[in-house]
PDB file of N, CA and C in Angstrom:
ATOM      1  N   MET A   1      -5.737 -24.924  -6.799  1.00  0.00           N
ATOM      2  CA  MET A   1      -4.719 -23.969  -6.441  1.00  0.00           C
ATOM      3  C   MET A   1      -3.513 -24.719  -5.886  1.00  0.00           C
ATOM      4  N   ALA A   2      -2.331 -24.296  -6.288  1.00  0.00           N
ATOM      5  CA  ALA A   2      -1.106 -24.940  -5.835  1.00  0.00           C
ATOM      6  C   ALA A   2      -0.856 -24.651  -4.359  1.00  0.00           C
ATOM      7  N   LYS A   3      -0.130 -25.540  -3.728  1.00  0.00           N
ATOM      8  CA  LYS A   3       0.204 -25.361  -2.320  1.00  0.00           C
ATOM      9  C   LYS A   3       1.166 -24.180  -2.174  1.00  0.00           C
ATOM     10  N   THR A   4       0.923 -23.336  -1.198  1.00  0.00           N
ATOM     11  CA  THR A   4       1.772 -22.186  -0.955  1.00  0.00           C
ATOM     12  C   THR A   4       3.124 -22.657  -0.438  1.00  0.00           C
ATOM     13  N   PHE A   5       4.187 -22.046  -0.929  1.00  0.00           N
ATOM     14  CA  PHE A   5       5.535 -22.509  -0.621  1.00  0.00           C
ATOM     15  C   PHE A   5       6.047 -22.054   0.732  1.00  0.00           C
ATOM     16  N   LEU A   6       5.553 -20.968   1.267  1.00  0.00           N
ATOM     17  CA  LEU A   6       5.951 -20.471   2.586  1.00  0.00           C
ATOM     18  C   LEU A   6       4.708 -20.121   3.390  1.00  0.00           C
ATOM     19  N   LYS A   7       4.823 -20.250   4.684  1.00  0.00           N
ATOM     20  CA  LYS A   7       3.728 -19.811   5.541  1.00  0.00           C
ATOM     21  C   LYS A   7       3.651 -18.289   5.493  1.00  0.00           C
ATOM     22  N   TRP A   8       2.494 -17.765   5.843  1.00  0.00           N
ATOM     23  CA  TRP A   8       2.260 -16.329   5.766  1.00  0.00           C
ATOM     24  C   TRP A   8       3.326 -15.552   6.544  1.00  0.00           C
ATOM     25  N   LYS A   9       3.632 -15.971   7.747  1.00  0.00           N
ATOM     26  CA  LYS A   9       4.606 -15.264   8.587  1.00  0.00           C
ATOM     27  C   LYS A   9       5.980 -15.219   7.910  1.00  0.00           C
ATOM     28  N   ASP A  10       6.368 -16.312   7.282  1.00  0.00           N
ATOM     29  CA  ASP A  10       7.653 -16.366   6.592  1.00  0.00           C
ATOM     30  C   ASP A  10       7.662 -15.471   5.355  1.00  0.00           C
ATOM     31  N   ARG A  11       6.530 -15.416   4.650  1.00  0.00           N
ATOM     32  CA  ARG A  11       6.429 -14.531   3.486  1.00  0.00           C
ATOM     33  C   ARG A  11       6.569 -13.075   3.921  1.00  0.00           C
ATOM     34  N   ARG A  12       5.895 -12.715   5.013  1.00  0.00           N
ATOM     35  CA  ARG A  12       5.977 -11.341   5.515  1.00  0.00           C
ATOM     36  C   ARG A  12       7.397 -11.012   5.944  1.00  0.00           C
ATOM     37  N   SER A  13       8.073 -11.969   6.578  1.00  0.00           N
ATOM     38  CA  SER A  13       9.457 -11.745   7.006  1.00  0.00           C
ATOM     39  C   SER A  13      10.362 -11.494   5.809  1.00  0.00           C
ATOM     40  N   LEU A  14      10.185 -12.284   4.758  1.00  0.00           N
ATOM     41  CA  LEU A  14      10.981 -12.098   3.544  1.00  0.00           C
ATOM     42  C   LEU A  14      10.694 -10.735   2.922  1.00  0.00           C
ATOM     43  N   LEU A  15       9.443 -10.383   2.851  1.00  0.00           N
ATOM     44  CA  LEU A  15       9.062  -9.111   2.240  1.00  0.00           C
ATOM     45  C   LEU A  15       9.598  -7.928   3.047  1.00  0.00           C
ATOM     46  N   ASP A  16       9.619  -8.054   4.356  1.00  0.00           N
ATOM     47  CA  ASP A  16      10.076  -6.966   5.224  1.00  0.00           C
ATOM     48  C   ASP A  16      11.585  -6.931   5.419  1.00  0.00           C
ATOM     49  N   ASN A  17      12.279  -7.951   4.947  1.00  0.00           N
ATOM     50  CA  ASN A  17      13.725  -8.040   5.110  1.00  0.00           C
ATOM     51  C   ASN A  17      14.412  -7.020   4.196  1.00  0.00           C
ATOM     52  N   LEU A  18      15.074  -6.050   4.801  1.00  0.00           N
ATOM     53  CA  LEU A  18      15.733  -4.997   4.023  1.00  0.00           C
ATOM     54  C   LEU A  18      16.905  -5.515   3.206  1.00  0.00           C
ATOM     55  N   LYS A  19      17.451  -6.670   3.579  1.00  0.00           N
ATOM     56  CA  LYS A  19      18.607  -7.226   2.870  1.00  0.00           C
ATOM     57  C   LYS A  19      18.212  -8.284   1.833  1.00  0.00           C
ATOM     58  N   ALA A  20      16.922  -8.524   1.669  1.00  0.00           N
ATOM     59  CA  ALA A  20      16.467  -9.528   0.694  1.00  0.00           C
ATOM     60  C   ALA A  20      16.839  -9.068  -0.714  1.00  0.00           C
ATOM     61  N   SER A  21      17.378  -9.978  -1.487  1.00  0.00           N
ATOM     62  CA  SER A  21      17.779  -9.633  -2.851  1.00  0.00           C
ATOM     63  C   SER A  21      16.564  -9.525  -3.767  1.00  0.00           C
ATOM     64  N   SER A  22      16.729  -8.743  -4.809  1.00  0.00           N
ATOM     65  CA  SER A  22      15.663  -8.629  -5.812  1.00  0.00           C
ATOM     66  C   SER A  22      15.344  -9.993  -6.409  1.00  0.00           C
ATOM     67  N   GLU A  23      16.378 -10.800  -6.591  1.00  0.00           N
ATOM     68  CA  GLU A  23      16.186 -12.132  -7.171  1.00  0.00           C
ATOM     69  C   GLU A  23      15.322 -13.009  -6.270  1.00  0.00           C
ATOM     70  N   SER A  24      15.593 -12.997  -4.963  1.00  0.00           N
ATOM     71  CA  SER A  24      14.803 -13.839  -4.060  1.00  0.00           C
ATOM     72  C   SER A  24      13.370 -13.329  -3.951  1.00  0.00           C
ATOM     73  N   LEU A  25      13.208 -12.012  -3.970  1.00  0.00           N
ATOM     74  CA  LEU A  25      11.857 -11.442  -3.912  1.00  0.00           C
ATOM     75  C   LEU A  25      11.077 -11.770  -5.185  1.00  0.00           C
ATOM     76  N   SER A  26      11.737 -11.653  -6.317  1.00  0.00           N
ATOM     77  CA  SER A  26      11.090 -11.957  -7.590  1.00  0.00           C
ATOM     78  C   SER A  26      10.727 -13.433  -7.675  1.00  0.00           C
ATOM     79  N   GLN A  27      11.632 -14.295  -7.220  1.00  0.00           N
ATOM     80  CA  GLN A  27      11.361 -15.737  -7.217  1.00  0.00           C
ATOM     81  C   GLN A  27      10.158 -16.050  -6.328  1.00  0.00           C
ATOM     82  N   ALA A  28      10.091 -15.410  -5.175  1.00  0.00           N
ATOM     83  CA  ALA A  28       8.945 -15.601  -4.284  1.00  0.00           C
ATOM     84  C   ALA A  28       7.673 -15.118  -4.975  1.00  0.00           C
ATOM     85  N   GLY A  29       7.758 -13.986  -5.677  1.00  0.00           N
ATOM     86  CA  GLY A  29       6.611 -13.475  -6.419  1.00  0.00           C
ATOM     87  C   GLY A  29       6.125 -14.461  -7.458  1.00  0.00           C
ATOM     88  N   ARG A  30       7.050 -15.090  -8.176  1.00  0.00           N
ATOM     89  CA  ARG A  30       6.678 -16.079  -9.196  1.00  0.00           C
ATOM     90  C   ARG A  30       5.987 -17.290  -8.560  1.00  0.00           C
ATOM     91  N   LYS A  31       6.481 -17.717  -7.413  1.00  0.00           N
ATOM     92  CA  LYS A  31       5.864 -18.852  -6.730  1.00  0.00           C
ATOM     93  C   LYS A  31       4.471 -18.488  -6.225  1.00  0.00           C
ATOM     94  N   LEU A  32       4.321 -17.285  -5.716  1.00  0.00           N
ATOM     95  CA  LEU A  32       3.006 -16.840  -5.261  1.00  0.00           C
ATOM     96  C   LEU A  32       2.044 -16.706  -6.442  1.00  0.00           C
ATOM     97  N   LEU A  33       2.537 -16.220  -7.553  1.00  0.00           N
ATOM     98  CA  LEU A  33       1.730 -16.121  -8.770  1.00  0.00           C
ATOM     99  C   LEU A  33       1.241 -17.498  -9.188  1.00  0.00           C
ATOM    100  N   ALA A  34       2.148 -18.466  -9.190  1.00  0.00           N
ATOM    101  CA  ALA A  34       1.784 -19.836  -9.568  1.00  0.00           C
ATOM    102  C   ALA A  34       0.781 -20.441  -8.593  1.00  0.00           C
ATOM    103  N   ALA A  35       0.841 -20.006  -7.329  1.00  0.00           N
ATOM    104  CA  ALA A  35      -0.069 -20.517  -6.312  1.00  0.00           C
ATOM    105  C   ALA A  35      -1.413 -19.783  -6.327  1.00  0.00           C
ATOM    106  N   GLY A  36      -1.527 -18.749  -7.157  1.00  0.00           N
ATOM    107  CA  GLY A  36      -2.781 -18.009  -7.236  1.00  0.00           C
ATOM    108  C   GLY A  36      -2.901 -16.884  -6.226  1.00  0.00           C
ATOM    109  N   ASN A  37      -1.821 -16.544  -5.543  1.00  0.00           N
ATOM    110  CA  ASN A  37      -1.820 -15.444  -4.568  1.00  0.00           C
ATOM    111  C   ASN A  37      -1.370 -14.170  -5.284  1.00  0.00           C
ATOM    112  N   TYR A  38      -2.253 -13.636  -6.110  1.00  0.00           N
ATOM    113  CA  TYR A  38      -1.883 -12.567  -7.022  1.00  0.00           C
ATOM    114  C   TYR A  38      -1.521 -11.257  -6.322  1.00  0.00           C
ATOM    115  N   ALA A  39      -2.299 -10.822  -5.362  1.00  0.00           N
ATOM    116  CA  ALA A  39      -2.010  -9.552  -4.686  1.00  0.00           C
ATOM    117  C   ALA A  39      -0.683  -9.637  -3.935  1.00  0.00           C
ATOM    118  N   GLU A  40      -0.418 -10.768  -3.308  1.00  0.00           N
ATOM    119  CA  GLU A  40       0.857 -10.943  -2.618  1.00  0.00           C
ATOM    120  C   GLU A  40       2.003 -10.994  -3.612  1.00  0.00           C
ATOM    121  N   ALA A  41       1.801 -11.667  -4.731  1.00  0.00           N
ATOM    122  CA  ALA A  41       2.828 -11.710  -5.768  1.00  0.00           C
ATOM    123  C   ALA A  41       3.158 -10.291  -6.216  1.00  0.00           C
ATOM    124  N   ALA A  42       2.140  -9.462  -6.363  1.00  0.00           N
ATOM    125  CA  ALA A  42       2.353  -8.071  -6.775  1.00  0.00           C
ATOM    126  C   ALA A  42       3.234  -7.334  -5.768  1.00  0.00           C
ATOM    127  N   GLU A  43       3.020  -7.573  -4.485  1.00  0.00           N
ATOM    128  CA  GLU A  43       3.849  -6.935  -3.465  1.00  0.00           C
ATOM    129  C   GLU A  43       5.315  -7.322  -3.622  1.00  0.00           C
ATOM    130  N   PHE A  44       5.563  -8.610  -3.841  1.00  0.00           N
ATOM    131  CA  PHE A  44       6.933  -9.080  -3.997  1.00  0.00           C
ATOM    132  C   PHE A  44       7.560  -8.525  -5.266  1.00  0.00           C
ATOM    133  N   PHE A  45       6.817  -8.526  -6.376  1.00  0.00           N
ATOM    134  CA  PHE A  45       7.332  -7.974  -7.622  1.00  0.00           C
ATOM    135  C   PHE A  45       7.639  -6.477  -7.470  1.00  0.00           C
ATOM    136  N   ARG A  46       6.773  -5.788  -6.751  1.00  0.00           N
ATOM    137  CA  ARG A  46       6.981  -4.352  -6.546  1.00  0.00           C
ATOM    138  C   ARG A  46       8.275  -4.106  -5.778  1.00  0.00           C
ATOM    139  N   LYS A  47       8.451  -4.828  -4.682  1.00  0.00           N
ATOM    140  CA  LYS A  47       9.655  -4.625  -3.876  1.00  0.00           C
ATOM    141  C   LYS A  47      10.906  -5.031  -4.655  1.00  0.00           C
ATOM    142  N   ALA A  48      10.801  -6.069  -5.492  1.00  0.00           N
ATOM    143  CA  ALA A  48      11.933  -6.526  -6.295  1.00  0.00           C
ATOM    144  C   ALA A  48      12.183  -5.617  -7.503  1.00  0.00           C
ATOM    145  N   LYS A  49      11.270  -4.697  -7.746  1.00  0.00           N
ATOM    146  CA  LYS A  49      11.311  -3.841  -8.937  1.00  0.00           C
ATOM    147  C   LYS A  49      11.302  -4.699 -10.207  1.00  0.00           C
ATOM    148  N   ASP A  50      10.486  -5.749 -10.158  1.00  0.00           N
ATOM    149  CA  ASP A  50      10.358  -6.709 -11.262  1.00  0.00           C
ATOM    150  C   ASP A  50       9.206  -6.270 -12.167  1.00  0.00           C
ATOM    151  N   GLU A  51       9.544  -5.419 -13.131  1.00  0.00           N
ATOM    152  CA  GLU A  51       8.529  -4.886 -14.032  1.00  0.00           C
ATOM    153  C   GLU A  51       7.872  -5.981 -14.867  1.00  0.00           C
ATOM    154  N   ALA A  52       8.664  -6.972 -15.270  1.00  0.00           N
ATOM    155  CA  ALA A  52       8.120  -8.065 -16.087  1.00  0.00           C
ATOM    156  C   ALA A  52       7.079  -8.848 -15.286  1.00  0.00           C
ATOM    157  N   GLY A  53       7.360  -9.110 -14.030  1.00  0.00           N
ATOM    158  CA  GLY A  53       6.406  -9.823 -13.184  1.00  0.00           C
ATOM    159  C   GLY A  53       5.126  -9.031 -13.007  1.00  0.00           C
ATOM    160  N   LEU A  54       5.268  -7.721 -12.805  1.00  0.00           N
ATOM    161  CA  LEU A  54       4.089  -6.868 -12.656  1.00  0.00           C
ATOM    162  C   LEU A  54       3.287  -6.811 -13.952  1.00  0.00           C
ATOM    163  N   LYS A  55       3.971  -6.767 -15.076  1.00  0.00           N
ATOM    164  CA  LYS A  55       3.256  -6.736 -16.360  1.00  0.00           C
ATOM    165  C   LYS A  55       2.539  -8.056 -16.632  1.00  0.00           C
ATOM    166  N   ASP A  56       3.145  -9.162 -16.194  1.00  0.00           N
ATOM    167  CA  ASP A  56       2.457 -10.458 -16.301  1.00  0.00           C
ATOM    168  C   ASP A  56       1.160 -10.436 -15.487  1.00  0.00           C
ATOM    169  N   LEU A  57       1.229  -9.853 -14.299  1.00  0.00           N
ATOM    170  CA  LEU A  57       0.029  -9.745 -13.458  1.00  0.00           C
ATOM    171  C   LEU A  57      -1.009  -8.829 -14.092  1.00  0.00           C
ATOM    172  N   LEU A  58      -0.554  -7.773 -14.740  1.00  0.00           N
ATOM    173  CA  LEU A  58      -1.476  -6.851 -15.395  1.00  0.00           C
ATOM    174  C   LEU A  58      -2.251  -7.574 -16.490  1.00  0.00           C
ATOM    175  N   THR A  59      -1.550  -8.369 -17.285  1.00  0.00           N
ATOM    176  CA  THR A  59      -2.194  -9.158 -18.341  1.00  0.00           C
ATOM    177  C   THR A  59      -3.166 -10.160 -17.735  1.00  0.00           C
ATOM    178  N   LEU A  60      -2.741 -10.820 -16.680  1.00  0.00           N
ATOM    179  CA  LEU A  60      -3.594 -11.794 -15.999  1.00  0.00           C
ATOM    180  C   LEU A  60      -4.859 -11.123 -15.470  1.00  0.00           C
ATOM    181  N   ALA A  61      -4.707  -9.938 -14.895  1.00  0.00           N
ATOM    182  CA  ALA A  61      -5.858  -9.217 -14.344  1.00  0.00           C
ATOM    183  C   ALA A  61      -6.890  -8.911 -15.431  1.00  0.00           C
ATOM    184  N   VAL A  62      -6.420  -8.481 -16.583  1.00  0.00           N
ATOM    185  CA  VAL A  62      -7.332  -8.189 -17.700  1.00  0.00           C
ATOM    186  C   VAL A  62      -8.016  -9.469 -18.148  1.00  0.00           C
ATOM    187  N   ASN A  63      -7.240 -10.527 -18.323  1.00  0.00           N
ATOM    188  CA  ASN A  63      -7.792 -11.797 -18.810  1.00  0.00           C
ATOM    189  C   ASN A  63      -8.784 -12.411 -17.835  1.00  0.00           C
ATOM    190  N   GLU A  64      -8.569 -12.221 -16.549  1.00  0.00           N
ATOM    191  CA  GLU A  64      -9.456 -12.800 -15.537  1.00  0.00           C
ATOM    192  C   GLU A  64     -10.524 -11.834 -15.054  1.00  0.00           C
ATOM    193  N   GLY A  65     -10.566 -10.641 -15.655  1.00  0.00           N
ATOM    194  CA  GLY A  65     -11.594  -9.673 -15.283  1.00  0.00           C
ATOM    195  C   GLY A  65     -11.466  -9.175 -13.855  1.00  0.00           C
ATOM    196  N   ASP A  66     -10.231  -9.101 -13.356  1.00  0.00           N
ATOM    197  CA  ASP A  66      -9.993  -8.717 -11.957  1.00  0.00           C
ATOM    198  C   ASP A  66      -9.627  -7.241 -11.875  1.00  0.00           C
ATOM    199  N   PHE A  67     -10.641  -6.413 -11.669  1.00  0.00           N
ATOM    200  CA  PHE A  67     -10.433  -4.965 -11.630  1.00  0.00           C
ATOM    201  C   PHE A  67      -9.555  -4.553 -10.460  1.00  0.00           C
ATOM    202  N   PHE A  68      -9.722  -5.193  -9.305  1.00  0.00           N
ATOM    203  CA  PHE A  68      -8.910  -4.862  -8.128  1.00  0.00           C
ATOM    204  C   PHE A  68      -7.426  -5.059  -8.446  1.00  0.00           C
ATOM    205  N   LEU A  69      -7.075  -6.221  -8.970  1.00  0.00           N
ATOM    206  CA  LEU A  69      -5.680  -6.514  -9.290  1.00  0.00           C
ATOM    207  C   LEU A  69      -5.159  -5.572 -10.373  1.00  0.00           C
ATOM    208  N   TYR A  70      -5.972  -5.321 -11.382  1.00  0.00           N
ATOM    209  CA  TYR A  70      -5.584  -4.400 -12.449  1.00  0.00           C
ATOM    210  C   TYR A  70      -5.246  -3.025 -11.880  1.00  0.00           C
ATOM    211  N   SER A  71      -6.085  -2.521 -11.000  1.00  0.00           N
ATOM    212  CA  SER A  71      -5.864  -1.200 -10.399  1.00  0.00           C
ATOM    213  C   SER A  71      -4.602  -1.190  -9.541  1.00  0.00           C
ATOM    214  N   LEU A  72      -4.425  -2.234  -8.754  1.00  0.00           N
ATOM    215  CA  LEU A  72      -3.263  -2.338  -7.879  1.00  0.00           C
ATOM    216  C   LEU A  72      -1.965  -2.340  -8.690  1.00  0.00           C
ATOM    217  N   VAL A  73      -1.904  -3.167  -9.717  1.00  0.00           N
ATOM    218  CA  VAL A  73      -0.679  -3.283 -10.511  1.00  0.00           C
ATOM    219  C   VAL A  73      -0.434  -2.005 -11.316  1.00  0.00           C
ATOM    220  N   ASN A  74      -1.485  -1.396 -11.829  1.00  0.00           N
ATOM    221  CA  ASN A  74      -1.322  -0.110 -12.513  1.00  0.00           C
ATOM    222  C   ASN A  74      -0.699   0.913 -11.578  1.00  0.00           C
ATOM    223  N   GLN A  75      -1.152   0.911 -10.343  1.00  0.00           N
ATOM    224  CA  GLN A  75      -0.611   1.832  -9.342  1.00  0.00           C
ATOM    225  C   GLN A  75       0.871   1.525  -9.101  1.00  0.00           C
ATOM    226  N   TYR A  76       1.214   0.257  -8.941  1.00  0.00           N
ATOM    227  CA  TYR A  76       2.599  -0.135  -8.700  1.00  0.00           C
ATOM    228  C   TYR A  76       3.503   0.242  -9.870  1.00  0.00           C
ATOM    229  N   LEU A  77       2.981   0.180 -11.086  1.00  0.00           N
ATOM    230  CA  LEU A  77       3.758   0.517 -12.283  1.00  0.00           C
ATOM    231  C   LEU A  77       3.665   2.006 -12.643  1.00  0.00           C
ATOM    232  N   SER A  78       2.898   2.763 -11.875  1.00  0.00           N
ATOM    233  CA  SER A  78       2.662   4.190 -12.144  1.00  0.00           C
ATOM    234  C   SER A  78       2.098   4.405 -13.542  1.00  0.00           C
ATOM    235  N   LEU A  79       1.148   3.536 -13.907  1.00  0.00           N
ATOM    236  CA  LEU A  79       0.489   3.628 -15.214  1.00  0.00           C
ATOM    237  C   LEU A  79      -0.940   4.109 -15.048  1.00  0.00           C
ATOM    238  N   ASN A  80      -1.454   4.702 -16.091  1.00  0.00           N
ATOM    239  CA  ASN A  80      -2.867   5.049 -16.137  1.00  0.00           C
ATOM    240  C   ASN A  80      -3.615   3.926 -16.842  1.00  0.00           C
ATOM    241  N   PRO A  81      -4.864   3.697 -16.456  1.00  0.00           N
ATOM    242  CA  PRO A  81      -5.657   2.677 -17.157  1.00  0.00           C
ATOM    243  C   PRO A  81      -5.808   3.053 -18.630  1.00  0.00           C
ATOM    244  N   THR A  82      -5.876   2.034 -19.473  1.00  0.00           N
ATOM    245  CA  THR A  82      -6.059   2.289 -20.901  1.00  0.00           C
ATOM    246  C   THR A  82      -7.461   1.865 -21.336  1.00  0.00           C
ATOM    247  N   ILE A  83      -7.926   2.480 -22.389  1.00  0.00           N
ATOM    248  CA  ILE A  83      -9.253   2.164 -22.915  1.00  0.00           C
ATOM    249  C   ILE A  83      -9.319   0.697 -23.332  1.00  0.00           C
ATOM    250  N   SER A  84      -8.291   0.228 -24.042  1.00  0.00           N
ATOM    251  CA  SER A  84      -8.328  -1.159 -24.526  1.00  0.00           C
ATOM    252  C   SER A  84      -8.309  -2.162 -23.373  1.00  0.00           C
ATOM    253  N   ALA A  85      -7.502  -1.898 -22.357  1.00  0.00           N
ATOM    254  CA  ALA A  85      -7.421  -2.829 -21.223  1.00  0.00           C
ATOM    255  C   ALA A  85      -8.731  -2.838 -20.433  1.00  0.00           C
ATOM    256  N   LEU A  86      -9.287  -1.662 -20.177  1.00  0.00           N
ATOM    257  CA  LEU A  86     -10.542  -1.603 -19.416  1.00  0.00           C
ATOM    258  C   LEU A  86     -11.696  -2.233 -20.199  1.00  0.00           C
ATOM    259  N   THR A  87     -11.712  -2.044 -21.501  1.00  0.00           N
ATOM    260  CA  THR A  87     -12.752  -2.649 -22.331  1.00  0.00           C
ATOM    261  C   THR A  87     -12.667  -4.172 -22.263  1.00  0.00           C
ATOM    262  N   ALA A  88     -11.449  -4.699 -22.423  1.00  0.00           N
ATOM    263  CA  ALA A  88     -11.254  -6.151 -22.367  1.00  0.00           C
ATOM    264  C   ALA A  88     -11.553  -6.682 -20.973  1.00  0.00           C
ATOM    265  N   LEU A  89     -11.112  -5.962 -19.957  1.00  0.00           N
ATOM    266  CA  LEU A  89     -11.365  -6.391 -18.582  1.00  0.00           C
ATOM    267  C   LEU A  89     -12.860  -6.450 -18.305  1.00  0.00           C
ATOM    268  N   ALA A  90     -13.588  -5.425 -18.713  1.00  0.00           N
ATOM    269  CA  ALA A  90     -15.039  -5.400 -18.495  1.00  0.00           C
ATOM    270  C   ALA A  90     -15.718  -6.570 -19.191  1.00  0.00           C
ATOM    271  N   LYS A  91     -15.328  -6.832 -20.422  1.00  0.00           N
ATOM    272  CA  LYS A  91     -15.903  -7.941 -21.183  1.00  0.00           C
ATOM    273  C   LYS A  91     -15.605  -9.283 -20.510  1.00  0.00           C
ATOM    274  N   ASN A  92     -14.351  -9.467 -20.094  1.00  0.00           N
ATOM    275  CA  ASN A  92     -13.968 -10.718 -19.446  1.00  0.00           C
ATOM    276  C   ASN A  92     -14.648 -10.883 -18.089  1.00  0.00           C
ATOM    277  N   ALA A  93     -14.726  -9.800 -17.338  1.00  0.00           N
ATOM    278  CA  ALA A  93     -15.386  -9.860 -16.034  1.00  0.00           C
ATOM    279  C   ALA A  93     -16.862 -10.222 -16.193  1.00  0.00           C
ATOM    280  N   GLU A  94     -17.501  -9.602 -17.157  1.00  0.00           N
ATOM    281  CA  GLU A  94     -18.909  -9.902 -17.408  1.00  0.00           C
ATOM    282  C   GLU A  94     -19.096 -11.366 -17.787  1.00  0.00           C
ATOM    283  N   GLY A  95     -18.227 -11.863 -18.637  1.00  0.00           N
ATOM    284  CA  GLY A  95     -18.301 -13.258 -19.072  1.00  0.00           C
ATOM    285  C   GLY A  95     -18.084 -14.249 -17.942  1.00  0.00           C
ATOM    286  N   LEU A  96     -17.344 -13.815 -16.926  1.00  0.00           N
ATOM    287  CA  LEU A  96     -17.067 -14.682 -15.778  1.00  0.00           C
ATOM    288  C   LEU A  96     -18.051 -14.455 -14.624  1.00  0.00           C
ATOM    289  N   GLY A  97     -19.027 -13.577 -14.848  1.00  0.00           N
ATOM    290  CA  GLY A  97     -20.017 -13.308 -13.808  1.00  0.00           C
ATOM    291  C   GLY A  97     -19.520 -12.373 -12.712  1.00  0.00           C
ATOM    292  N   LEU A  98     -18.457 -11.643 -12.993  1.00  0.00           N
ATOM    293  CA  LEU A  98     -17.908 -10.701 -12.019  1.00  0.00           C
ATOM    294  C   LEU A  98     -18.493  -9.317 -12.304  1.00  0.00           C
ATOM    295  N   ASP A  99     -19.772  -9.195 -12.004  1.00  0.00           N
ATOM    296  CA  ASP A  99     -20.517  -7.999 -12.386  1.00  0.00           C
ATOM    297  C   ASP A  99     -19.996  -6.719 -11.754  1.00  0.00           C
ATOM    298  N   VAL A 100     -19.543  -6.780 -10.519  1.00  0.00           N
ATOM    299  CA  VAL A 100     -19.033  -5.583  -9.852  1.00  0.00           C
ATOM    300  C   VAL A 100     -17.749  -5.116 -10.530  1.00  0.00           C
ATOM    301  N   TYR A 101     -16.860  -6.055 -10.851  1.00  0.00           N
ATOM    302  CA  TYR A 101     -15.620  -5.688 -11.537  1.00  0.00           C
ATOM    303  C   TYR A 101     -15.911  -5.149 -12.931  1.00  0.00           C
ATOM    304  N   ALA A 102     -16.878  -5.731 -13.614  1.00  0.00           N
ATOM    305  CA  ALA A 102     -17.256  -5.243 -14.937  1.00  0.00           C
ATOM    306  C   ALA A 102     -17.770  -3.809 -14.831  1.00  0.00           C
ATOM    307  N   ALA A 103     -18.608  -3.554 -13.837  1.00  0.00           N
ATOM    308  CA  ALA A 103     -19.161  -2.214 -13.645  1.00  0.00           C
ATOM    309  C   ALA A 103     -18.056  -1.205 -13.311  1.00  0.00           C
ATOM    310  N   LYS A 104     -17.104  -1.601 -12.493  1.00  0.00           N
ATOM    311  CA  LYS A 104     -16.000  -0.700 -12.141  1.00  0.00           C
ATOM    312  C   LYS A 104     -15.133  -0.400 -13.362  1.00  0.00           C
ATOM    313  N   ALA A 105     -14.901  -1.397 -14.190  1.00  0.00           N
ATOM    314  CA  ALA A 105     -14.116  -1.183 -15.409  1.00  0.00           C
ATOM    315  C   ALA A 105     -14.862  -0.222 -16.352  1.00  0.00           C
ATOM    316  N   LEU A 106     -16.162  -0.418 -16.492  1.00  0.00           N
ATOM    317  CA  LEU A 106     -16.942   0.465 -17.354  1.00  0.00           C
ATOM    318  C   LEU A 106     -16.987   1.898 -16.800  1.00  0.00           C
ATOM    319  N   ALA A 107     -17.050   2.024 -15.480  1.00  0.00           N
ATOM    320  CA  ALA A 107     -17.008   3.350 -14.865  1.00  0.00           C
ATOM    321  C   ALA A 107     -15.655   4.003 -15.111  1.00  0.00           C
ATOM    322  N   GLY A 108     -14.595   3.216 -15.053  1.00  0.00           N
ATOM    323  CA  GLY A 108     -13.267   3.720 -15.350  1.00  0.00           C
ATOM    324  C   GLY A 108     -13.137   4.182 -16.788  1.00  0.00           C
ATOM    325  N   LEU A 109     -13.802   3.456 -17.685  1.00  0.00           N
ATOM    326  CA  LEU A 109     -13.802   3.826 -19.104  1.00  0.00           C
ATOM    327  C   LEU A 109     -14.449   5.189 -19.308  1.00  0.00           C
ATOM    328  N   LYS A 110     -15.534   5.425 -18.613  1.00  0.00           N
ATOM    329  CA  LYS A 110     -16.240   6.710 -18.760  1.00  0.00           C
ATOM    330  C   LYS A 110     -15.354   7.882 -18.333  1.00  0.00           C
ATOM    331  N   LYS A 111     -14.465   7.621 -17.381  1.00  0.00           N
ATOM    332  CA  LYS A 111     -13.583   8.693 -16.893  1.00  0.00           C
ATOM    333  C   LYS A 111     -12.488   9.044 -17.890  1.00  0.00           C
ATOM    334  N   ILE A 112     -12.071   8.058 -18.723  1.00  0.00           N
ATOM    335  CA  ILE A 112     -10.932   8.335 -19.601  1.00  0.00           C
ATOM    336  C   ILE A 112     -11.279   8.465 -21.068  1.00  0.00           C
ATOM    337  N   GLN A 113     -12.483   8.073 -21.454  1.00  0.00           N
ATOM    338  CA  GLN A 113     -12.865   8.189 -22.866  1.00  0.00           C
ATOM    339  C   GLN A 113     -13.128   9.632 -23.206  1.00  0.00           C
ATOM    340  N   PRO A 114     -12.658  10.029 -24.410  1.00  0.00           N
ATOM    341  CA  PRO A 114     -12.874  11.426 -24.838  1.00  0.00           C
ATOM    342  C   PRO A 114     -14.322  11.721 -25.123  1.00  0.00           C
TER     343      PRO A 114
END
């Protein structure tokens, strides 16, 4: 994992700063993403209204079988889970030994499948 570019307190200050530009928030989100701090990156992308950054996280969540991140980013984007994404997420989670995430994805599938 890459070294985090700011200490936690400084990241919170930037995120809470009402005058922070979308560009600086998005840049911080990209650095957090690169450092593997996905949930924090999502917060920065959300505040920056960086849809592309959030969509990158959504793809990453599916590929890494991370149901928590997938749900969080879907919420931030005001999207509903899709059958194809949940199917892929469940498969990837299972392959990575993330049985709880796989089970949650499959439970989500049951709720939306016709």
